[in-house]
Amino acid sequence: MKSGAEDKVTSPDGEVLKSLKAATGSPDMKSGAEDKVTSPDGTGRMMGLDFGSKTVGVAISDPLGITAQGITIIRRERENKLRKTYSAIEELIEKYDVKSIVLGYPVLLSGKEGERVKATLAFKEDLERRTGLPVILRDERLTTIQAHRSLDEMGVKSEKHGEYVDEVAAVLILQSYLDRQRNSMSS
């Protein structure tokens, strides 16, 4: 993916992330967009997004919708510069044959809507309009804290958390949605 002054798509190459990808079967983002990943039954995958003020963590489900794997973090220089962010997301949607998006919904611990909710809802509307895909909001309370704990458990030093935390949070958001869907179908 191309990088620009406004934002860039990054996928850190730290040893921990490599071993995480090996363990989860996460695809390597260094391959080109022509290496389109599709599900065997043609239904496509789900994308999980952790939308922040300057980053978007991205995760993708496996073709069966059982597991979520982190694939990248989209970074931008300024909060309101989203053009390249949308383009990067659209490229990933095409590459992975994504059929729906799960977007973290940043409600406060009290359950009230905080400052980030307005920006997230505008981002959701733009994503739906630009991609034509349904965007499902998923409560993201405590996912960043859980992401930091997961990174601690994997032995990632605190000063390196910023390289991975948004991607791990996107995995947690998508995985919680997949688990809930699976549990609701079995009951």
Protein backbone atom coordinates (compact mmCIF):
# COMPACT_ATOMS: atom_id res chain seq x y z
CA MET A 1 0.00 0.00 0.00
CA LYS A 2 1.15 3.50 -0.67
CA SER A 3 2.14 5.86 2.08
CA GLY A 4 1.53 9.57 2.06
CA ALA A 5 1.91 12.69 4.12
CA GLU A 6 -1.59 12.44 5.54
CA ASP A 7 -1.47 8.80 6.59
CA LYS A 8 0.26 5.55 5.91
CA VAL A 9 -0.54 1.88 6.26
CA THR A 10 1.94 0.08 8.45
CA SER A 11 2.37 -3.47 9.58
CA PRO A 12 5.18 -3.69 12.16
CA ASP A 13 7.68 -6.50 11.57
CA GLY A 14 8.55 -7.16 15.21
CA GLU A 15 9.37 -10.72 16.20
CA VAL A 16 6.33 -10.98 18.47
CA LEU A 17 3.98 -9.98 15.66
CA LYS A 18 5.59 -12.50 13.32
CA SER A 19 5.05 -15.27 15.84
CA LEU A 20 1.49 -14.08 16.46
CA LYS A 21 0.77 -14.21 12.73
CA ALA A 22 2.31 -17.66 12.48
CA ALA A 23 0.19 -18.88 15.38
CA THR A 24 -3.06 -17.41 14.03
CA GLY A 25 -2.48 -18.04 10.35
CA SER A 26 -2.77 -14.31 9.68
CA PRO A 27 -1.88 -13.40 6.10
CA ASP A 28 1.31 -11.51 5.39
CA MET A 29 0.48 -7.93 4.38
CA LYS A 30 3.62 -7.67 2.23
CA SER A 31 1.93 -9.48 -0.63
CA GLY A 32 0.35 -7.33 -3.31
CA ALA A 33 -3.33 -6.46 -3.71
CA GLU A 34 -3.46 -8.85 -6.66
CA ASP A 35 -3.20 -11.73 -4.16
CA LYS A 36 -6.90 -11.53 -3.37
CA VAL A 37 -7.96 -13.76 -0.48
CA THR A 38 -11.46 -15.17 -0.84
CA SER A 39 -13.52 -17.61 1.13
CA PRO A 40 -14.13 -21.05 -0.37
CA ASP A 41 -17.90 -20.64 -0.32
CA GLY A 42 -17.82 -17.09 -1.71
CA THR A 43 -19.48 -15.55 1.35
CA GLY A 44 -16.47 -13.43 2.20
CA ARG A 45 -14.93 -12.33 5.42
CA MET A 46 -15.72 -9.75 8.08
CA MET A 47 -13.46 -6.81 8.86
CA GLY A 48 -12.99 -5.44 12.37
CA LEU A 49 -11.94 -1.82 12.87
CA ASP A 50 -10.70 0.04 15.94
CA PHE A 51 -11.13 3.69 14.89
CA GLY A 52 -8.99 6.15 16.81
CA SER A 53 -8.09 9.80 16.44
CA LYS A 54 -4.92 9.04 14.44
CA THR A 55 -5.01 5.28 13.80
CA VAL A 56 -7.32 2.53 12.64
CA GLY A 57 -6.52 -1.00 13.75
CA VAL A 58 -7.67 -3.59 11.21
CA ALA A 59 -8.57 -7.27 11.68
CA ILE A 60 -10.06 -9.83 9.30
CA SER A 61 -12.06 -12.97 10.06
CA ASP A 62 -11.20 -16.36 8.66
CA PRO A 63 -13.51 -17.56 5.85
CA LEU A 64 -15.72 -19.48 8.30
CA GLY A 65 -16.15 -16.54 10.68
CA ILE A 66 -14.58 -18.35 13.63
CA THR A 67 -11.40 -16.39 14.32
CA ALA A 68 -10.14 -12.85 13.85
CA GLN A 69 -6.58 -12.03 12.82
CA GLY A 70 -4.90 -8.64 12.98
CA ILE A 71 -3.52 -7.47 9.65
CA THR A 72 -2.42 -3.83 9.93
CA ILE A 73 -2.67 -0.42 11.52
CA ILE A 74 -3.55 2.53 9.30
CA ARG A 75 -1.89 5.71 10.62
CA ARG A 76 -2.53 9.31 9.70
CA GLU A 77 -0.81 12.56 10.62
CA ARG A 78 -3.97 14.51 11.39
CA GLU A 79 -7.27 13.39 12.88
CA ASN A 80 -9.54 14.81 10.17
CA LYS A 81 -7.50 13.62 7.17
CA LEU A 82 -9.31 10.40 6.26
CA ARG A 83 -9.14 10.21 2.45
CA LYS A 84 -6.16 7.83 2.36
CA THR A 85 -7.52 5.92 5.34
CA TYR A 86 -10.73 5.16 3.42
CA SER A 87 -8.69 4.19 0.34
CA ALA A 88 -6.56 1.78 2.39
CA ILE A 89 -9.68 0.21 3.93
CA GLU A 90 -11.28 -0.12 0.48
CA GLU A 91 -8.17 -1.90 -0.84
CA LEU A 92 -8.28 -4.35 2.08
CA ILE A 93 -12.01 -4.94 1.54
CA GLU A 94 -11.31 -5.85 -2.07
CA LYS A 95 -8.29 -8.01 -1.27
CA TYR A 96 -10.03 -10.03 1.45
CA ASP A 97 -13.50 -10.19 -0.13
CA VAL A 98 -15.02 -8.50 2.92
CA LYS A 99 -18.82 -8.57 3.10
CA SER A 100 -19.41 -6.64 6.33
CA ILE A 101 -17.55 -4.49 8.83
CA VAL A 102 -17.59 -4.52 12.63
CA LEU A 103 -16.63 -1.11 13.99
CA GLY A 104 -15.70 -0.50 17.61
CA TYR A 105 -18.23 1.78 19.33
CA PRO A 106 -16.48 3.89 21.97
CA VAL A 107 -19.08 4.22 24.71
CA LEU A 108 -17.83 5.17 28.16
CA LEU A 109 -17.62 2.64 31.00
CA SER A 110 -20.81 4.21 32.38
CA GLY A 111 -22.57 3.32 29.12
CA LYS A 112 -22.89 6.98 28.10
CA GLU A 113 -21.68 8.26 24.77
CA GLY A 114 -18.42 10.20 24.95
CA GLU A 115 -16.67 12.59 22.57
CA ARG A 116 -15.41 9.88 20.20
CA VAL A 117 -18.93 8.58 19.49
CA LYS A 118 -19.79 11.46 17.14
CA ALA A 119 -16.61 10.94 15.08
CA THR A 120 -17.18 7.17 15.04
CA LEU A 121 -20.77 7.53 13.82
CA ALA A 122 -19.64 9.89 11.02
CA PHE A 123 -16.89 7.38 10.11
CA LYS A 124 -19.51 4.58 10.06
CA GLU A 125 -21.80 6.55 7.72
CA ASP A 126 -18.91 7.37 5.39
CA LEU A 127 -17.78 3.72 5.33
CA GLU A 128 -21.29 2.52 4.47
CA ARG A 129 -21.64 5.13 1.73
CA ARG A 130 -18.19 4.53 0.23
CA THR A 131 -18.15 0.72 0.42
CA GLY A 132 -21.82 -0.23 0.17
CA LEU A 133 -21.22 -2.70 3.03
CA PRO A 134 -23.12 -2.96 6.29
CA VAL A 135 -21.19 -1.55 9.24
CA ILE A 136 -22.09 -3.08 12.60
CA LEU A 137 -21.27 -1.17 15.77
CA ARG A 138 -19.72 -3.24 18.57
CA ASP A 139 -19.15 -2.02 22.12
CA GLU A 140 -15.41 -1.61 22.51
CA ARG A 141 -15.22 -0.87 26.22
CA LEU A 142 -11.99 -2.14 27.75
CA THR A 143 -10.58 -3.51 24.46
CA THR A 144 -7.53 -1.22 24.63
CA ILE A 145 -6.86 -2.35 28.21
CA GLN A 146 -7.28 -5.98 27.14
CA ALA A 147 -4.95 -5.36 24.18
CA HIS A 148 -2.26 -3.96 26.49
CA ARG A 149 -2.64 -6.98 28.80
CA SER A 150 -2.35 -9.38 25.88
CA LEU A 151 0.80 -7.66 24.70
CA ASP A 152 2.23 -7.81 28.24
CA GLU A 153 1.46 -11.55 28.37
CA MET A 154 3.26 -12.04 25.04
CA GLY A 155 6.33 -10.30 26.42
CA VAL A 156 6.07 -7.11 24.39
CA LYS A 157 7.79 -4.26 26.21
CA SER A 158 5.47 -1.41 27.24
CA GLU A 159 7.28 1.10 25.05
CA LYS A 160 6.51 -1.10 22.00
CA HIS A 161 2.76 -1.43 22.73
CA GLY A 162 1.94 1.54 20.48
CA GLU A 163 3.13 -0.43 17.46
CA TYR A 164 0.54 -3.15 18.01
CA VAL A 165 -2.24 -2.09 20.40
CA ASP A 166 -4.73 -0.82 17.79
CA GLU A 167 -4.41 -3.97 15.69
CA VAL A 168 -4.88 -6.18 18.76
CA ALA A 169 -7.90 -4.07 19.82
CA ALA A 170 -9.42 -4.58 16.34
CA VAL A 171 -8.94 -8.34 16.76
CA LEU A 172 -10.71 -8.22 20.15
CA ILE A 173 -13.63 -6.19 18.74
CA LEU A 174 -14.12 -8.55 15.80
CA GLN A 175 -13.57 -11.72 17.84
CA SER A 176 -16.16 -10.65 20.43
CA TYR A 177 -18.67 -10.10 17.64
CA LEU A 178 -17.90 -13.47 16.01
CA ASP A 179 -18.19 -15.26 19.37
CA ARG A 180 -21.52 -13.61 20.11
CA GLN A 181 -22.89 -14.52 16.67
CA ARG A 182 -21.77 -18.14 17.09
CA ASN A 183 -23.25 -18.35 20.59
CA SER A 184 -26.58 -16.86 19.50
CA MET A 185 -26.85 -19.40 16.67
CA SER A 186 -26.19 -22.32 19.00
CA SER A 187 -28.83 -21.33 21.57
